[in-house]
């Protein structure tokens, strides 16, 4: 189990580095502080929703369904920084093209 956790943490770090590179390359007004703020608020909301949903699934459907829901939740929370970086980069490119 320790090896699996280490691999997951490594994958998460690589995704964060990729997301930070997209923000930096997108540049032109896309600050890392904006990306970090949006990511933090999104993670907070995702955690709150997932906490309630996972417990509801666990007690109504069962353990196997809760494990599947947990895996989906981890995937969504892992991709959140990348999605915000892509969105900010796209928004800044559109904004700079119209200026």
PDB file of N, CA and C in Angstrom:
ATOM      1  N   UNK A   1       0.817  -1.200   0.000  1.00  0.00           N
ATOM      2  CA  UNK A   1       0.000   0.000   0.000  1.00  0.00           C
ATOM      3  C   UNK A   1       0.855   1.257   0.000  1.00  0.00           C
ATOM      4  N   UNK A   2       2.016   1.191   0.650  1.00  0.00           N
ATOM      5  CA  UNK A   2       2.883   2.360   0.689  1.00  0.00           C
ATOM      6  C   UNK A   2       3.398   2.722  -0.698  1.00  0.00           C
ATOM      7  N   UNK A   3       3.709   1.725  -1.504  1.00  0.00           N
ATOM      8  CA  UNK A   3       4.217   1.980  -2.853  1.00  0.00           C
ATOM      9  C   UNK A   3       3.132   2.627  -3.709  1.00  0.00           C
ATOM     10  N   UNK A   4       1.912   2.145  -3.575  1.00  0.00           N
ATOM     11  CA  UNK A   4       0.802   2.712  -4.340  1.00  0.00           C
ATOM     12  C   UNK A   4       0.600   4.174  -3.958  1.00  0.00           C
ATOM     13  N   UNK A   5       0.658   4.479  -2.683  1.00  0.00           N
ATOM     14  CA  UNK A   5       0.478   5.851  -2.232  1.00  0.00           C
ATOM     15  C   UNK A   5       1.600   6.744  -2.745  1.00  0.00           C
ATOM     16  N   UNK A   6       2.816   6.247  -2.745  1.00  0.00           N
ATOM     17  CA  UNK A   6       3.946   7.029  -3.248  1.00  0.00           C
ATOM     18  C   UNK A   6       3.797   7.301  -4.742  1.00  0.00           C
ATOM     19  N   UNK A   7       3.333   6.324  -5.494  1.00  0.00           N
ATOM     20  CA  UNK A   7       3.125   6.512  -6.925  1.00  0.00           C
ATOM     21  C   UNK A   7       2.025   7.540  -7.170  1.00  0.00           C
ATOM     22  N   UNK A   8       0.945   7.468  -6.409  1.00  0.00           N
ATOM     23  CA  UNK A   8      -0.145   8.439  -6.562  1.00  0.00           C
ATOM     24  C   UNK A   8       0.309   9.849  -6.224  1.00  0.00           C
ATOM     25  N   UNK A   9       1.095  10.004  -5.179  1.00  0.00           N
ATOM     26  CA  UNK A   9       1.621  11.328  -4.820  1.00  0.00           C
ATOM     27  C   UNK A   9       2.544  11.839  -5.917  1.00  0.00           C
ATOM     28  N   UNK A  10       3.367  10.989  -6.470  1.00  0.00           N
ATOM     29  CA  UNK A  10       4.263  11.380  -7.557  1.00  0.00           C
ATOM     30  C   UNK A  10       3.474  11.826  -8.784  1.00  0.00           C
ATOM     31  N   UNK A  11       2.435  11.096  -9.139  1.00  0.00           N
ATOM     32  CA  UNK A  11       1.587  11.478 -10.273  1.00  0.00           C
ATOM     33  C   UNK A  11       0.930  12.824 -10.009  1.00  0.00           C
ATOM     34  N   UNK A  12       0.466  13.042  -8.787  1.00  0.00           N
ATOM     35  CA  UNK A  12      -0.178  14.307  -8.432  1.00  0.00           C
ATOM     36  C   UNK A  12       0.809  15.466  -8.547  1.00  0.00           C
ATOM     37  N   UNK A  13       2.038  15.278  -8.111  1.00  0.00           N
ATOM     38  CA  UNK A  13       3.058  16.323  -8.205  1.00  0.00           C
ATOM     39  C   UNK A  13       3.362  16.635  -9.666  1.00  0.00           C
ATOM     40  N   UNK A  14       3.465  15.605 -10.499  1.00  0.00           N
ATOM     41  CA  UNK A  14       3.717  15.830 -11.924  1.00  0.00           C
ATOM     42  C   UNK A  14       2.579  16.625 -12.552  1.00  0.00           C
ATOM     43  N   UNK A  15       1.331  16.306 -12.209  1.00  0.00           N
ATOM     44  CA  UNK A  15       0.197  17.064 -12.739  1.00  0.00           C
ATOM     45  C   UNK A  15       0.234  18.519 -12.285  1.00  0.00           C
ATOM     46  N   UNK A  16       0.627  18.769 -11.046  1.00  0.00           N
ATOM     47  CA  UNK A  16       0.739  20.150 -10.584  1.00  0.00           C
ATOM     48  C   UNK A  16       1.821  20.904 -11.341  1.00  0.00           C
ATOM     49  N   UNK A  17       2.943  20.272 -11.592  1.00  0.00           N
ATOM     50  CA  UNK A  17       4.020  20.919 -12.341  1.00  0.00           C
ATOM     51  C   UNK A  17       3.556  21.240 -13.764  1.00  0.00           C
ATOM     52  N   UNK A  18       2.859  20.308 -14.392  1.00  0.00           N
ATOM     53  CA  UNK A  18       2.327  20.551 -15.740  1.00  0.00           C
ATOM     54  C   UNK A  18       1.355  21.722 -15.717  1.00  0.00           C
ATOM     55  N   UNK A  19       0.485  21.755 -14.718  1.00  0.00           N
ATOM     56  CA  UNK A  19      -0.478  22.856 -14.616  1.00  0.00           C
ATOM     57  C   UNK A  19       0.234  24.196 -14.428  1.00  0.00           C
ATOM     58  N   UNK A  20       1.243  24.233 -13.587  1.00  0.00           N
ATOM     59  CA  UNK A  20       1.996  25.473 -13.388  1.00  0.00           C
ATOM     60  C   UNK A  20       2.712  25.903 -14.666  1.00  0.00           C
ATOM     61  N   UNK A  21       3.189  24.972 -15.445  1.00  0.00           N
ATOM     62  CA  UNK A  21       3.832  25.315 -16.708  1.00  0.00           C
ATOM     63  C   UNK A  21       2.826  25.933 -17.673  1.00  0.00           C
ATOM     64  N   UNK A  22       1.603  25.408 -17.706  1.00  0.00           N
ATOM     65  CA  UNK A  22       0.584  25.987 -18.578  1.00  0.00           C
ATOM     66  C   UNK A  22       0.261  27.407 -18.170  1.00  0.00           C
ATOM     67  N   UNK A  23       0.177  27.680 -16.866  1.00  0.00           N
ATOM     68  CA  UNK A  23      -0.125  29.030 -16.414  1.00  0.00           C
ATOM     69  C   UNK A  23       1.010  29.961 -16.805  1.00  0.00           C
ATOM     70  N   UNK A  24       2.245  29.526 -16.616  1.00  0.00           N
ATOM     71  CA  UNK A  24       3.388  30.371 -16.919  1.00  0.00           C
ATOM     72  C   UNK A  24       3.500  30.616 -18.418  1.00  0.00           C
ATOM     73  N   UNK A  25       3.289  29.571 -19.230  1.00  0.00           N
ATOM     74  CA  UNK A  25       3.369  29.722 -20.678  1.00  0.00           C
ATOM     75  C   UNK A  25       2.234  30.605 -21.168  1.00  0.00           C
ATOM     76  N   UNK A  26       1.058  30.424 -20.605  1.00  0.00           N
ATOM     77  CA  UNK A  26      -0.077  31.242 -21.013  1.00  0.00           C
ATOM     78  C   UNK A  26       0.213  32.702 -20.700  1.00  0.00           C
ATOM     79  N   UNK A  27       0.859  32.934 -19.563  1.00  0.00           N
ATOM     80  CA  UNK A  27       1.347  34.252 -19.168  1.00  0.00           C
ATOM     81  C   UNK A  27       0.351  35.361 -19.418  1.00  0.00           C
ATOM     82  N   UNK A  28       0.883  36.515 -19.769  1.00  0.00           N
ATOM     83  CA  UNK A  28       0.088  37.675 -20.153  1.00  0.00           C
ATOM     84  C   UNK A  28      -1.059  37.932 -19.204  1.00  0.00           C
ATOM     85  N   UNK A  29      -0.761  38.026 -17.948  1.00  0.00           N
ATOM     86  CA  UNK A  29      -1.773  38.386 -16.959  1.00  0.00           C
ATOM     87  C   UNK A  29      -2.307  37.231 -16.140  1.00  0.00           C
ATOM     88  N   UNK A  30      -2.049  35.999 -16.552  1.00  0.00           N
ATOM     89  CA  UNK A  30      -2.530  34.855 -15.771  1.00  0.00           C
ATOM     90  C   UNK A  30      -1.553  34.614 -14.641  1.00  0.00           C
ATOM     91  N   UNK A  31      -1.903  35.059 -13.463  1.00  0.00           N
ATOM     92  CA  UNK A  31      -0.972  34.905 -12.351  1.00  0.00           C
ATOM     93  C   UNK A  31      -1.151  33.558 -11.677  1.00  0.00           C
ATOM     94  N   UNK A  32      -0.084  33.107 -11.090  1.00  0.00           N
ATOM     95  CA  UNK A  32      -0.129  31.846 -10.362  1.00  0.00           C
ATOM     96  C   UNK A  32      -1.036  31.984  -9.145  1.00  0.00           C
ATOM     97  N   UNK A  33      -1.119  33.181  -8.582  1.00  0.00           N
ATOM     98  CA  UNK A  33      -2.006  33.391  -7.429  1.00  0.00           C
ATOM     99  C   UNK A  33      -3.467  33.164  -7.808  1.00  0.00           C
ATOM    100  N   UNK A  34      -3.868  33.598  -8.990  1.00  0.00           N
ATOM    101  CA  UNK A  34      -5.239  33.374  -9.450  1.00  0.00           C
ATOM    102  C   UNK A  34      -5.505  31.884  -9.617  1.00  0.00           C
ATOM    103  N   UNK A  35      -4.561  31.187 -10.244  1.00  0.00           N
ATOM    104  CA  UNK A  35      -4.701  29.745 -10.432  1.00  0.00           C
ATOM    105  C   UNK A  35      -4.784  29.029  -9.092  1.00  0.00           C
ATOM    106  N   UNK A  36      -3.905  29.424  -8.169  1.00  0.00           N
ATOM    107  CA  UNK A  36      -3.882  28.773  -6.863  1.00  0.00           C
ATOM    108  C   UNK A  36      -5.181  29.041  -6.100  1.00  0.00           C
ATOM    109  N   UNK A  37      -5.690  30.259  -6.168  1.00  0.00           N
ATOM    110  CA  UNK A  37      -6.951  30.584  -5.495  1.00  0.00           C
ATOM    111  C   UNK A  37      -8.132  29.810  -6.055  1.00  0.00           C
ATOM    112  N   UNK A  38      -8.224  29.746  -7.377  1.00  0.00           N
ATOM    113  CA  UNK A  38      -9.318  28.995  -7.996  1.00  0.00           C
ATOM    114  C   UNK A  38      -9.219  27.509  -7.678  1.00  0.00           C
ATOM    115  N   UNK A  39      -8.004  26.991  -7.685  1.00  0.00           N
ATOM    116  CA  UNK A  39      -7.812  25.575  -7.357  1.00  0.00           C
ATOM    117  C   UNK A  39      -8.204  25.290  -5.911  1.00  0.00           C
ATOM    118  N   UNK A  40      -7.787  26.156  -4.994  1.00  0.00           N
ATOM    119  CA  UNK A  40      -8.099  25.941  -3.577  1.00  0.00           C
ATOM    120  C   UNK A  40      -9.604  25.999  -3.317  1.00  0.00           C
ATOM    121  N   UNK A  41     -10.278  26.977  -3.898  1.00  0.00           N
ATOM    122  CA  UNK A  41     -11.733  27.088  -3.705  1.00  0.00           C
ATOM    123  C   UNK A  41     -12.445  25.887  -4.327  1.00  0.00           C
ATOM    124  N   UNK A  42     -11.985  25.461  -5.501  1.00  0.00           N
ATOM    125  CA  UNK A  42     -12.589  24.296  -6.149  1.00  0.00           C
ATOM    126  C   UNK A  42     -12.393  23.039  -5.310  1.00  0.00           C
ATOM    127  N   UNK A  43     -11.168  22.858  -4.787  1.00  0.00           N
ATOM    128  CA  UNK A  43     -10.906  21.687  -3.941  1.00  0.00           C
ATOM    129  C   UNK A  43     -11.784  21.697  -2.699  1.00  0.00           C
ATOM    130  N   UNK A  44     -11.972  22.867  -2.108  1.00  0.00           N
ATOM    131  CA  UNK A  44     -12.815  22.956  -0.912  1.00  0.00           C
ATOM    132  C   UNK A  44     -14.244  22.529  -1.249  1.00  0.00           C
ATOM    133  N   UNK A  45     -14.785  23.063  -2.345  1.00  0.00           N
ATOM    134  CA  UNK A  45     -16.147  22.711  -2.742  1.00  0.00           C
ATOM    135  C   UNK A  45     -16.254  21.231  -3.115  1.00  0.00           C
ATOM    136  N   UNK A  46     -15.264  20.726  -3.850  1.00  0.00           N
ATOM    137  CA  UNK A  46     -15.277  19.315  -4.228  1.00  0.00           C
ATOM    138  C   UNK A  46     -15.209  18.419  -2.997  1.00  0.00           C
ATOM    139  N   UNK A  47     -14.375  18.790  -2.033  1.00  0.00           N
ATOM    140  CA  UNK A  47     -14.272  17.986  -0.821  1.00  0.00           C
ATOM    141  C   UNK A  47     -15.592  17.976  -0.060  1.00  0.00           C
ATOM    142  N   UNK A  48     -16.234  19.129   0.077  1.00  0.00           N
ATOM    143  CA  UNK A  48     -17.497  19.205   0.814  1.00  0.00           C
ATOM    144  C   UNK A  48     -18.580  18.359   0.142  1.00  0.00           C
ATOM    145  N   UNK A  49     -18.673  18.466  -1.177  1.00  0.00           N
ATOM    146  CA  UNK A  49     -19.677  17.682  -1.905  1.00  0.00           C
ATOM    147  C   UNK A  49     -19.348  16.192  -1.831  1.00  0.00           C
ATOM    148  N   UNK A  50     -18.076  15.863  -2.020  1.00  0.00           N
ATOM    149  CA  UNK A  50     -17.671  14.453  -1.995  1.00  0.00           C
ATOM    150  C   UNK A  50     -17.874  13.839  -0.621  1.00  0.00           C
ATOM    151  N   UNK A  51     -17.620  14.588   0.438  1.00  0.00           N
ATOM    152  CA  UNK A  51     -17.792  14.071   1.789  1.00  0.00           C
ATOM    153  C   UNK A  51     -19.235  13.622   2.013  1.00  0.00           C
ATOM    154  N   UNK A  52     -20.161  14.472   1.652  1.00  0.00           N
ATOM    155  CA  UNK A  52     -21.580  14.141   1.828  1.00  0.00           C
ATOM    156  C   UNK A  52     -21.994  13.017   0.876  1.00  0.00           C
ATOM    157  N   UNK A  53     -21.587  13.119  -0.388  1.00  0.00           N
ATOM    158  CA  UNK A  53     -21.991  12.121  -1.382  1.00  0.00           C
ATOM    159  C   UNK A  53     -21.414  10.744  -1.064  1.00  0.00           C
ATOM    160  N   UNK A  54     -20.145  10.694  -0.668  1.00  0.00           N
ATOM    161  CA  UNK A  54     -19.537   9.402  -0.368  1.00  0.00           C
ATOM    162  C   UNK A  54     -20.197   8.723   0.827  1.00  0.00           C
ATOM    163  N   UNK A  55     -20.527   9.501   1.835  1.00  0.00           N
ATOM    164  CA  UNK A  55     -21.205   8.895   2.985  1.00  0.00           C
ATOM    165  C   UNK A  55     -22.617   8.428   2.619  1.00  0.00           C
ATOM    166  N   UNK A  56     -23.301   9.220   1.801  1.00  0.00           N
ATOM    167  CA  UNK A  56     -24.644   8.810   1.364  1.00  0.00           C
ATOM    168  C   UNK A  56     -24.567   7.523   0.543  1.00  0.00           C
ATOM    169  N   UNK A  57     -23.591   7.442  -0.351  1.00  0.00           N
ATOM    170  CA  UNK A  57     -23.427   6.233  -1.172  1.00  0.00           C
ATOM    171  C   UNK A  57     -23.018   5.048  -0.307  1.00  0.00           C
ATOM    172  N   UNK A  58     -22.116   5.283   0.629  1.00  0.00           N
ATOM    173  CA  UNK A  58     -21.654   4.201   1.493  1.00  0.00           C
ATOM    174  C   UNK A  58     -22.808   3.573   2.273  1.00  0.00           C
ATOM    175  N   UNK A  59     -23.650   4.413   2.861  1.00  0.00           N
ATOM    176  CA  UNK A  59     -24.710   3.883   3.718  1.00  0.00           C
ATOM    177  C   UNK A  59     -25.953   3.453   2.955  1.00  0.00           C
ATOM    178  N   UNK A  60     -26.130   3.931   1.707  1.00  0.00           N
ATOM    179  CA  UNK A  60     -27.328   3.530   0.968  1.00  0.00           C
ATOM    180  C   UNK A  60     -27.052   2.418  -0.043  1.00  0.00           C
ATOM    181  N   UNK A  61     -25.902   2.439  -0.697  1.00  0.00           N
ATOM    182  CA  UNK A  61     -25.622   1.455  -1.749  1.00  0.00           C
ATOM    183  C   UNK A  61     -24.652   0.389  -1.270  1.00  0.00           C
ATOM    184  N   UNK A  62     -23.599   0.807  -0.599  1.00  0.00           N
ATOM    185  CA  UNK A  62     -22.652  -0.185  -0.106  1.00  0.00           C
ATOM    186  C   UNK A  62     -21.205   0.228  -0.296  1.00  0.00           C
ATOM    187  N   UNK A  63     -20.355  -0.628   0.231  1.00  0.00           N
ATOM    188  CA  UNK A  63     -18.916  -0.334   0.259  1.00  0.00           C
ATOM    189  C   UNK A  63     -18.298  -0.289  -1.146  1.00  0.00           C
ATOM    190  N   UNK A  64     -18.666  -1.211  -2.028  1.00  0.00           N
ATOM    191  CA  UNK A  64     -18.080  -1.264  -3.362  1.00  0.00           C
ATOM    192  C   UNK A  64     -18.397  -0.003  -4.160  1.00  0.00           C
ATOM    193  N   UNK A  65     -19.628   0.459  -4.077  1.00  0.00           N
ATOM    194  CA  UNK A  65     -20.012   1.680  -4.781  1.00  0.00           C
ATOM    195  C   UNK A  65     -19.286   2.887  -4.210  1.00  0.00           C
ATOM    196  N   UNK A  66     -19.070   2.903  -2.896  1.00  0.00           N
ATOM    197  CA  UNK A  66     -18.355   4.001  -2.273  1.00  0.00           C
ATOM    198  C   UNK A  66     -16.892   4.028  -2.717  1.00  0.00           C
ATOM    199  N   UNK A  67     -16.288   2.863  -2.915  1.00  0.00           N
ATOM    200  CA  UNK A  67     -14.903   2.809  -3.400  1.00  0.00           C
ATOM    201  C   UNK A  67     -14.821   3.370  -4.815  1.00  0.00           C
ATOM    202  N   UNK A  68     -15.770   3.008  -5.661  1.00  0.00           N
ATOM    203  CA  UNK A  68     -15.800   3.541  -7.026  1.00  0.00           C
ATOM    204  C   UNK A  68     -15.986   5.056  -6.995  1.00  0.00           C
ATOM    205  N   UNK A  69     -16.885   5.522  -6.154  1.00  0.00           N
ATOM    206  CA  UNK A  69     -17.113   6.963  -6.036  1.00  0.00           C
ATOM    207  C   UNK A  69     -15.865   7.680  -5.509  1.00  0.00           C
ATOM    208  N   UNK A  70     -15.148   7.047  -4.608  1.00  0.00           N
ATOM    209  CA  UNK A  70     -13.911   7.630  -4.086  1.00  0.00           C
ATOM    210  C   UNK A  70     -12.853   7.742  -5.177  1.00  0.00           C
ATOM    211  N   UNK A  71     -12.743   6.733  -6.013  1.00  0.00           N
ATOM    212  CA  UNK A  71     -11.779   6.773  -7.117  1.00  0.00           C
ATOM    213  C   UNK A  71     -12.133   7.889  -8.096  1.00  0.00           C
ATOM    214  N   UNK A  72     -13.406   8.042  -8.401  1.00  0.00           N
ATOM    215  CA  UNK A  72     -13.848   9.128  -9.285  1.00  0.00           C
ATOM    216  C   UNK A  72     -13.553  10.483  -8.652  1.00  0.00           C
ATOM    217  N   UNK A  73     -13.798  10.607  -7.356  1.00  0.00           N
ATOM    218  CA  UNK A  73     -13.530  11.855  -6.649  1.00  0.00           C
ATOM    219  C   UNK A  73     -12.048  12.211  -6.682  1.00  0.00           C
ATOM    220  N   UNK A  74     -11.196  11.238  -6.449  1.00  0.00           N
ATOM    221  CA  UNK A  74      -9.746  11.482  -6.492  1.00  0.00           C
ATOM    222  C   UNK A  74      -9.326  11.900  -7.893  1.00  0.00           C
ATOM    223  N   UNK A  75      -9.881  11.278  -8.912  1.00  0.00           N
ATOM    224  CA  UNK A  75      -9.548  11.654 -10.291  1.00  0.00           C
ATOM    225  C   UNK A  75      -9.967  13.088 -10.580  1.00  0.00           C
ATOM    226  N   UNK A  76     -11.157  13.465 -10.155  1.00  0.00           N
ATOM    227  CA  UNK A  76     -11.634  14.832 -10.380  1.00  0.00           C
ATOM    228  C   UNK A  76     -10.767  15.837  -9.638  1.00  0.00           C
ATOM    229  N   UNK A  77     -10.439  15.544  -8.381  1.00  0.00           N
ATOM    230  CA  UNK A  77      -9.633  16.476  -7.601  1.00  0.00           C
ATOM    231  C   UNK A  77      -8.198  16.550  -8.118  1.00  0.00           C
ATOM    232  N   UNK A  78      -7.719  15.491  -8.719  1.00  0.00           N
ATOM    233  CA  UNK A  78      -6.372  15.504  -9.296  1.00  0.00           C
ATOM    234  C   UNK A  78      -6.333  16.337 -10.571  1.00  0.00           C
ATOM    235  N   UNK A  79      -7.384  16.289 -11.362  1.00  0.00           N
ATOM    236  CA  UNK A  79      -7.413  17.026 -12.618  1.00  0.00           C
ATOM    237  C   UNK A  79      -7.842  18.485 -12.473  1.00  0.00           C
ATOM    238  N   UNK A  80      -8.319  18.888 -11.302  1.00  0.00           N
ATOM    239  CA  UNK A  80      -8.770  20.258 -11.096  1.00  0.00           C
ATOM    240  C   UNK A  80      -7.687  21.297 -11.374  1.00  0.00           C
ATOM    241  N   UNK A  81      -6.467  21.155 -10.844  1.00  0.00           N
ATOM    242  CA  UNK A  81      -5.449  22.172 -11.144  1.00  0.00           C
ATOM    243  C   UNK A  81      -5.113  22.263 -12.630  1.00  0.00           C
ATOM    244  N   UNK A  82      -5.106  21.124 -13.313  1.00  0.00           N
ATOM    245  CA  UNK A  82      -4.815  21.123 -14.744  1.00  0.00           C
ATOM    246  C   UNK A  82      -5.940  21.815 -15.514  1.00  0.00           C
ATOM    247  N   UNK A  83      -7.169  21.556 -15.133  1.00  0.00           N
ATOM    248  CA  UNK A  83      -8.307  22.177 -15.806  1.00  0.00           C
ATOM    249  C   UNK A  83      -8.305  23.690 -15.615  1.00  0.00           C
ATOM    250  N   UNK A  84      -8.026  24.155 -14.405  1.00  0.00           N
ATOM    251  CA  UNK A  84      -7.964  25.605 -14.173  1.00  0.00           C
ATOM    252  C   UNK A  84      -6.809  26.238 -14.935  1.00  0.00           C
ATOM    253  N   UNK A  85      -5.676  25.556 -14.999  1.00  0.00           N
ATOM    254  CA  UNK A  85      -4.534  26.095 -15.748  1.00  0.00           C
ATOM    255  C   UNK A  85      -4.875  26.201 -17.229  1.00  0.00           C
ATOM    256  N   UNK A  86      -5.504  25.170 -17.769  1.00  0.00           N
ATOM    257  CA  UNK A  86      -5.901  25.208 -19.174  1.00  0.00           C
ATOM    258  C   UNK A  86      -6.923  26.322 -19.410  1.00  0.00           C
ATOM    259  N   UNK A  87      -7.892  26.420 -18.515  1.00  0.00           N
ATOM    260  CA  UNK A  87      -8.922  27.463 -18.662  1.00  0.00           C
ATOM    261  C   UNK A  87      -8.346  28.864 -18.580  1.00  0.00           C
ATOM    262  N   UNK A  88      -7.464  29.106 -17.642  1.00  0.00           N
ATOM    263  CA  UNK A  88      -6.843  30.430 -17.529  1.00  0.00           C
ATOM    264  C   UNK A  88      -5.970  30.728 -18.740  1.00  0.00           C
ATOM    265  N   UNK A  89      -5.239  29.737 -19.216  1.00  0.00           N
ATOM    266  CA  UNK A  89      -4.415  29.949 -20.401  1.00  0.00           C
ATOM    267  C   UNK A  89      -5.250  30.265 -21.619  1.00  0.00           C
ATOM    268  N   UNK A  90      -6.347  29.535 -21.799  1.00  0.00           N
ATOM    269  CA  UNK A  90      -7.248  29.769 -22.927  1.00  0.00           C
ATOM    270  C   UNK A  90      -7.890  31.149 -22.822  1.00  0.00           C
ATOM    271  N   UNK A  91      -8.332  31.513 -21.631  1.00  0.00           N
ATOM    272  CA  UNK A  91      -8.963  32.811 -21.418  1.00  0.00           C
ATOM    273  C   UNK A  91      -7.980  33.943 -21.703  1.00  0.00           C
ATOM    274  N   UNK A  92      -6.741  33.802 -21.271  1.00  0.00           N
ATOM    275  CA  UNK A  92      -5.750  34.849 -21.507  1.00  0.00           C
ATOM    276  C   UNK A  92      -5.373  34.959 -22.979  1.00  0.00           C
ATOM    277  N   UNK A  93      -5.304  33.839 -23.686  1.00  0.00           N
ATOM    278  CA  UNK A  93      -4.997  33.901 -25.116  1.00  0.00           C
ATOM    279  C   UNK A  93      -6.139  34.602 -25.865  1.00  0.00           C
ATOM    280  N   UNK A  94      -7.385  34.286 -25.522  1.00  0.00           N
ATOM    281  CA  UNK A  94      -8.525  34.949 -26.163  1.00  0.00           C
ATOM    282  C   UNK A  94      -8.537  36.436 -25.847  1.00  0.00           C
ATOM    283  N   UNK A  95      -8.261  36.747 -24.605  1.00  0.00           N
ATOM    284  CA  UNK A  95      -8.282  38.144 -24.168  1.00  0.00           C
ATOM    285  C   UNK A  95      -7.180  38.951 -24.847  1.00  0.00           C
ATOM    286  N   UNK A  96      -5.983  38.360 -24.960  1.00  0.00           N
ATOM    287  CA  UNK A  96      -4.881  39.093 -25.597  1.00  0.00           C
ATOM    288  C   UNK A  96      -5.083  39.203 -27.106  1.00  0.00           C
ATOM    289  N   UNK A  97      -5.788  38.252 -27.705  1.00  0.00           N
ATOM    290  CA  UNK A  97      -6.047  38.319 -29.150  1.00  0.00           C
ATOM    291  C   UNK A  97      -7.017  39.432 -29.484  1.00  0.00           C
ATOM    292  N   UNK A  98      -7.924  39.755 -28.581  1.00  0.00           N
ATOM    293  CA  UNK A  98      -8.927  40.786 -28.837  1.00  0.00           C
ATOM    294  C   UNK A  98      -8.445  42.173 -28.417  1.00  0.00           C
ATOM    295  N   UNK A  99      -7.299  42.255 -27.797  1.00  0.00           N
ATOM    296  CA  UNK A  99      -6.790  43.561 -27.332  1.00  0.00           C
ATOM    297  C   UNK A  99      -6.099  44.301 -28.447  1.00  0.00           C
TER     298      UNK A  99
END
